[in-house]
Protein backbone atom coordinates (compact mmCIF):
# COMPACT_ATOMS: atom_id res chain seq x y z
CA MET A 1 21.85 -11.54 8.67
CA ASN A 2 19.17 -8.83 9.71
CA ASP A 3 15.92 -10.48 11.36
CA TRP A 4 13.50 -8.24 10.73
CA ARG A 5 9.91 -9.06 11.07
CA PHE A 6 7.37 -10.73 9.26
CA ILE A 7 3.43 -9.84 9.85
CA PRO A 8 1.16 -12.87 7.12
CA LEU A 9 -1.52 -11.52 5.47
CA GLU A 10 -4.44 -10.51 7.22
CA THR A 11 -7.80 -8.78 6.43
CA LYS A 12 -8.90 -5.32 8.26
CA ASN A 13 -11.16 -2.71 8.34
CA GLY A 14 -9.14 0.42 6.22
CA PHE A 15 -8.72 2.32 9.74
CA TRP A 16 -7.05 -0.65 11.61
CA ASN A 17 -5.00 -1.50 8.45
CA MET A 18 -4.15 2.36 8.30
CA ALA A 19 -3.60 2.89 12.25
CA LEU A 20 -1.73 0.19 12.50
CA ASP A 21 1.44 1.19 9.99
CA GLU A 22 1.90 4.01 11.96
CA ALA A 23 1.63 2.87 15.26
CA ILE A 24 4.54 0.29 13.89
CA LEU A 25 6.42 3.45 12.76
CA THR A 26 5.88 5.34 15.79
CA TYR A 27 7.29 2.24 17.65
CA ALA A 28 10.11 1.79 15.29
CA ILE A 29 10.84 5.43 16.27
CA LYS A 30 10.70 4.72 19.67
CA GLY A 31 13.28 1.82 19.29
CA LYS A 32 10.25 -0.41 20.96
CA SER A 33 9.57 -2.23 17.80
CA PRO A 34 11.21 -4.02 15.23
CA ASN A 35 11.89 -3.90 11.13
CA THR A 36 8.90 -4.76 9.73
CA ILE A 37 6.97 -5.21 6.27
CA ARG A 38 3.71 -7.03 6.78
CA PHE A 39 0.50 -7.55 4.08
CA TYR A 40 -2.68 -6.61 4.24
CA LYS A 41 -6.02 -6.96 2.94
CA TRP A 42 -9.07 -4.23 3.26
CA ASN A 43 -12.63 -5.26 4.54
CA PRO A 44 -14.72 -3.31 3.03
CA SER A 45 -13.44 -2.02 0.63
CA THR A 46 -11.54 1.50 0.72
CA ALA A 47 -10.92 4.83 -0.27
CA SER A 48 -8.03 6.24 0.54
CA ILE A 49 -6.94 9.39 -0.07
CA GLY A 50 -2.94 11.06 0.40
CA ARG A 51 -1.80 13.41 3.53
CA HIS A 52 -2.52 16.94 1.29
CA GLN A 53 -5.22 16.07 -0.74
CA SER A 54 -9.03 17.22 -0.48
CA LEU A 55 -12.00 14.38 -0.06
CA SER A 56 -14.69 16.36 -1.75
CA ALA A 57 -12.43 16.19 -5.22
CA GLU A 58 -11.19 12.50 -5.27
CA VAL A 59 -13.94 10.46 -3.61
CA ASP A 60 -18.12 10.09 -4.53
CA MET A 61 -19.01 9.87 -0.65
CA ASP A 62 -22.54 8.66 -2.27
CA VAL A 63 -21.67 5.87 -3.76
CA VAL A 64 -19.24 4.80 -0.86
CA GLU A 65 -22.22 5.18 1.78
CA LYS A 66 -24.37 2.73 -0.58
CA LEU A 67 -21.58 0.32 -0.56
CA ASN A 68 -20.59 0.40 2.30
CA PHE A 69 -17.09 0.87 2.24
CA ASN A 70 -14.81 2.65 4.27
CA VAL A 71 -12.44 6.16 3.01
CA VAL A 72 -9.96 6.14 5.31
CA ARG A 73 -7.13 9.86 5.36
CA ARG A 74 -3.27 8.00 5.14
CA ILE A 75 0.20 9.43 6.57
CA THR A 76 1.57 8.67 3.13
CA GLY A 77 0.93 11.06 0.38
CA GLY A 78 0.56 10.66 -3.06
CA GLY A 79 -3.19 10.02 -4.46
CA ALA A 80 -6.80 8.36 -4.35
CA VAL A 81 -6.66 4.83 -4.32
CA PHE A 82 -9.86 2.58 -3.70
CA HIS A 83 -8.48 -0.70 -2.05
CA ASP A 84 -11.09 -3.66 -3.17
CA LYS A 85 -11.37 -6.09 -0.94
CA ILE A 86 -11.41 -9.34 -3.38
CA ARG A 87 -8.99 -7.54 -6.17
CA GLU A 88 -5.19 -6.39 -4.52
CA ILE A 89 -2.70 -7.31 -2.28
CA THR A 90 -1.64 -4.38 0.64
CA TYR A 91 2.10 -4.78 1.17
CA SER A 92 4.06 -1.79 3.93
CA ILE A 93 7.07 -1.31 5.59
CA VAL A 94 8.38 -0.13 8.16
CA CYS A 95 12.11 0.90 8.65
CA PRO A 96 15.50 3.16 9.16
CA VAL A 97 16.06 5.49 6.08
CA ASN A 98 20.12 4.03 6.66
CA HIS A 99 19.07 1.13 6.05
CA LEU A 100 18.26 1.21 2.00
CA LYS A 101 21.32 3.59 2.71
CA LEU A 102 23.70 0.88 3.32
CA LEU A 103 22.55 -0.43 0.50
CA LYS A 104 23.02 2.52 -2.42
CA ALA A 105 19.57 3.89 -1.96
CA ASN A 106 20.87 7.02 -1.35
CA SER A 107 18.19 9.13 -2.99
CA ILE A 108 14.79 9.58 -2.66
CA LEU A 109 12.91 7.53 -5.62
CA GLU A 110 15.87 5.21 -5.39
CA GLN A 111 14.49 4.43 -1.52
CA PHE A 112 11.63 4.23 -3.23
CA GLU A 113 12.75 1.47 -6.65
CA LEU A 114 14.88 -0.59 -3.21
CA ILE A 115 11.05 -1.77 -1.84
CA GLU A 116 10.48 -1.95 -4.25
CA ASN A 117 12.91 -4.37 -5.46
CA GLY A 118 11.08 -6.57 -3.25
CA ILE A 119 8.51 -7.16 -4.95
CA VAL A 120 10.00 -7.25 -7.99
CA ASN A 121 12.59 -10.48 -7.33
CA GLY A 122 9.08 -11.61 -5.57
CA LEU A 123 7.18 -11.62 -9.05
CA ILE A 124 10.19 -13.06 -10.69
CA ASN A 125 10.25 -15.83 -8.23
CA TYR A 126 6.26 -16.10 -9.86
CA GLY A 127 7.37 -16.65 -13.36
CA LEU A 128 6.21 -12.86 -13.91
CA GLU A 129 8.91 -10.13 -15.51
CA PRO A 130 7.87 -7.01 -14.18
CA GLU A 131 9.58 -3.36 -14.33
CA LYS A 132 9.60 0.17 -12.52
CA GLY A 133 8.97 2.98 -13.62
CA VAL A 134 7.07 6.04 -13.05
CA ILE A 135 3.48 7.57 -13.41
CA HIS A 136 2.74 10.36 -10.59
CA CYS A 137 4.99 8.65 -7.76
CA PRO A 138 7.32 5.56 -8.22
CA ALA A 139 4.65 2.18 -10.14
CA ILE A 140 5.51 -0.67 -10.93
CA PHE A 141 4.72 -2.57 -14.24
CA LEU A 142 3.71 -6.02 -16.66
CA ASP A 143 4.42 -5.11 -20.04
CA GLY A 144 3.65 -1.72 -19.96
CA LYS A 145 0.59 -1.75 -17.39
CA LYS A 146 1.07 -0.37 -14.04
CA PHE A 147 -0.32 -3.08 -10.43
CA SER A 148 1.71 -1.92 -8.07
CA GLY A 149 1.48 1.89 -6.71
CA ASN A 150 3.23 3.10 -4.15
CA ALA A 151 3.59 5.73 -1.24
CA GLN A 152 6.26 6.90 1.32
CA VAL A 153 6.32 9.19 4.35
CA ARG A 154 9.50 9.60 5.88
CA LYS A 155 10.18 11.11 10.00
CA LYS A 156 12.71 11.08 12.25
CA ASN A 157 15.03 9.21 9.74
CA PHE A 158 12.29 6.27 9.11
CA ILE A 159 9.90 5.20 6.41
CA LEU A 160 6.89 4.38 6.13
CA GLN A 161 6.19 2.28 2.45
CA HIS A 162 3.37 0.64 1.07
CA GLY A 163 1.31 0.11 -1.86
CA THR A 164 -0.56 -1.58 -3.62
CA ILE A 165 -0.69 -5.25 -5.20
CA LEU A 166 -3.47 -5.52 -7.72
CA LEU A 167 -4.47 -8.72 -9.08
CA GLU A 168 -7.52 -7.95 -10.57
CA ILE A 169 -9.31 -5.23 -11.74
CA ASP A 170 -12.39 -3.81 -11.82
CA PRO A 171 -12.22 0.12 -13.37
CA GLU A 172 -15.82 0.87 -13.15
CA LEU A 173 -15.82 0.13 -9.85
CA MET A 174 -13.23 2.52 -9.33
CA TYR A 175 -14.42 5.38 -10.73
CA SER A 176 -17.99 5.13 -8.75
CA VAL A 177 -16.19 5.49 -6.23
CA LEU A 178 -13.36 7.78 -7.38
CA LYS A 179 -13.66 11.04 -9.11
CA ALA A 180 -12.44 11.41 -12.46
CA PRO A 181 -10.14 14.66 -13.11
CA TYR A 182 -12.36 18.09 -12.88
CA ASN A 183 -13.41 17.81 -17.03
CA VAL A 184 -12.78 14.05 -17.96
CA SER A 185 -15.66 12.32 -17.92
CA LYS A 186 -15.95 9.02 -16.06
CA SER A 187 -16.19 6.38 -18.90
CA ARG A 188 -13.49 8.19 -20.10
CA MET A 189 -11.59 7.38 -17.10
CA VAL A 190 -12.36 4.21 -16.91
CA LYS A 191 -10.68 3.14 -20.70
CA SER A 192 -7.39 4.64 -19.61
CA VAL A 193 -7.83 2.74 -16.93
CA TYR A 194 -8.17 -0.72 -19.32
CA ALA A 195 -6.13 0.75 -20.86
CA LYS A 196 -3.06 1.54 -18.73
CA CYS A 197 -3.64 -0.66 -15.68
CA VAL A 198 -3.50 -4.51 -15.52
CA GLY A 199 -4.11 -7.32 -12.41
CA ILE A 200 -2.19 -9.84 -11.72
CA LYS A 201 -4.18 -12.30 -12.33
CA GLU A 202 -4.15 -11.61 -16.21
CA LYS A 203 -0.28 -12.90 -15.68
CA LEU A 204 -0.70 -15.86 -14.23
CA LYS A 205 -2.70 -19.44 -15.08
CA ASN A 206 -2.17 -20.46 -11.63
CA TYR A 207 -2.60 -18.14 -8.93
CA GLU A 208 -2.70 -19.33 -5.62
CA GLU A 209 -2.45 -16.54 -2.23
CA THR A 210 -0.07 -18.84 0.58
CA SER A 211 2.54 -19.42 -2.36
CA PHE A 212 2.70 -15.95 -3.42
CA ILE A 213 2.91 -15.14 -0.52
CA ARG A 214 5.49 -17.09 -0.57
CA SER A 215 7.23 -15.95 -2.94
CA LEU A 216 7.03 -11.89 -2.27
CA ARG A 217 8.24 -12.63 1.22
CA ASN A 218 11.50 -14.51 -0.46
CA GLY A 219 11.76 -11.32 -2.69
CA PHE A 220 12.79 -9.04 0.06
CA GLU A 221 15.14 -10.75 2.07
CA LYS A 222 16.84 -11.10 -1.01
CA THR A 223 16.53 -7.36 -2.17
CA LEU A 224 17.20 -6.05 1.72
CA LYS A 225 18.96 -8.84 2.73
CA ILE A 226 17.39 -9.97 5.69
CA ASN A 227 15.69 -12.54 7.59
CA LEU A 228 12.06 -12.64 7.88
CA GLN A 229 10.67 -13.85 11.54
CA GLU A 230 7.55 -13.91 11.65
CA ASP A 231 5.41 -12.85 14.15
CA TYR A 232 2.68 -10.69 15.34
CA TYR A 233 2.16 -6.84 16.50
CA THR A 234 2.69 -5.73 20.25
CA LYS A 235 0.67 -4.88 22.88
CA GLU A 236 1.78 -1.31 23.01
CA GLU A 237 0.74 -0.74 19.14
CA LEU A 238 -1.82 -2.23 19.33
CA ASN A 239 -2.75 -0.26 22.03
CA LEU A 240 -1.89 2.79 19.79
CA ALA A 241 -3.30 2.02 16.95
CA GLU A 242 -6.85 1.19 18.40
CA LYS A 243 -6.50 5.61 19.51
CA LEU A 244 -6.01 6.14 16.39
CA VAL A 245 -8.20 4.27 14.99
CA LYS A 246 -11.18 6.38 17.18
CA GLU A 247 -9.23 9.82 17.38
CA LYS A 248 -7.84 10.24 13.95
CA TYR A 249 -8.92 7.95 11.50
CA SER A 250 -12.72 7.83 11.63
CA ASN A 251 -12.37 11.31 12.79
CA GLN A 252 -14.37 13.44 10.35
CA LYS A 253 -11.68 16.35 11.47
CA TRP A 254 -8.60 14.51 9.88
CA LEU A 255 -10.88 12.65 7.54
CA LYS A 256 -12.28 16.19 6.18
CA LYS A 257 -8.72 18.26 6.69
CA TYR A 258 -8.80 19.87 3.48
CA GLU A 259 -12.41 21.17 3.13
């Protein structure tokens, strides 16, 4: 059985959440950090844009500043996402691509889906019946509605994948922060989110955070054939994350890279 590190659910701002993911990836590549799964929340609420997106095209900065939210550019791909501080949990996983290949996930899509199976099996344990699919990127659905989007970056045969788990949805707030696509009205996007997305609390009679995270943890252990050992960040990871917060994630040059 492979022992991996499990970092329990925590809440940090958007800059720290992204910096910690990158720091873990950096030290895992160097052989100085273990394969890791972590869960986190965002405070304040944060808009994140994909690595190659334009900030001005995706986010209404006037609303962000008025509400004192964060905005970050991820190192992963995918589209703009609104991370609501009370309506979402995010997971991230850092591991070698070869571990996924040993489990017969050879293509990029298969590797996305294998990691997603950790969420799927965790929610099955919790009494739900999720299914995998694709909307722009690999996603997970309940009764045909999306509740989890996922994004990846690959570097030196390691993978960082992180993704959302929507607990509830507030499309009005979401599309106050995120801009609707060109020639599409906000009201149309709000209706689309209501039609296409769901928060898992809608499907549960009793949601309890600790047992929910435990189910997800068990789901990943079963899916990836690993044993998760609870632990914390190394001193080196925290030092690098602090540097990344200052020099990258809270830096306007990185945020406005494609303006």
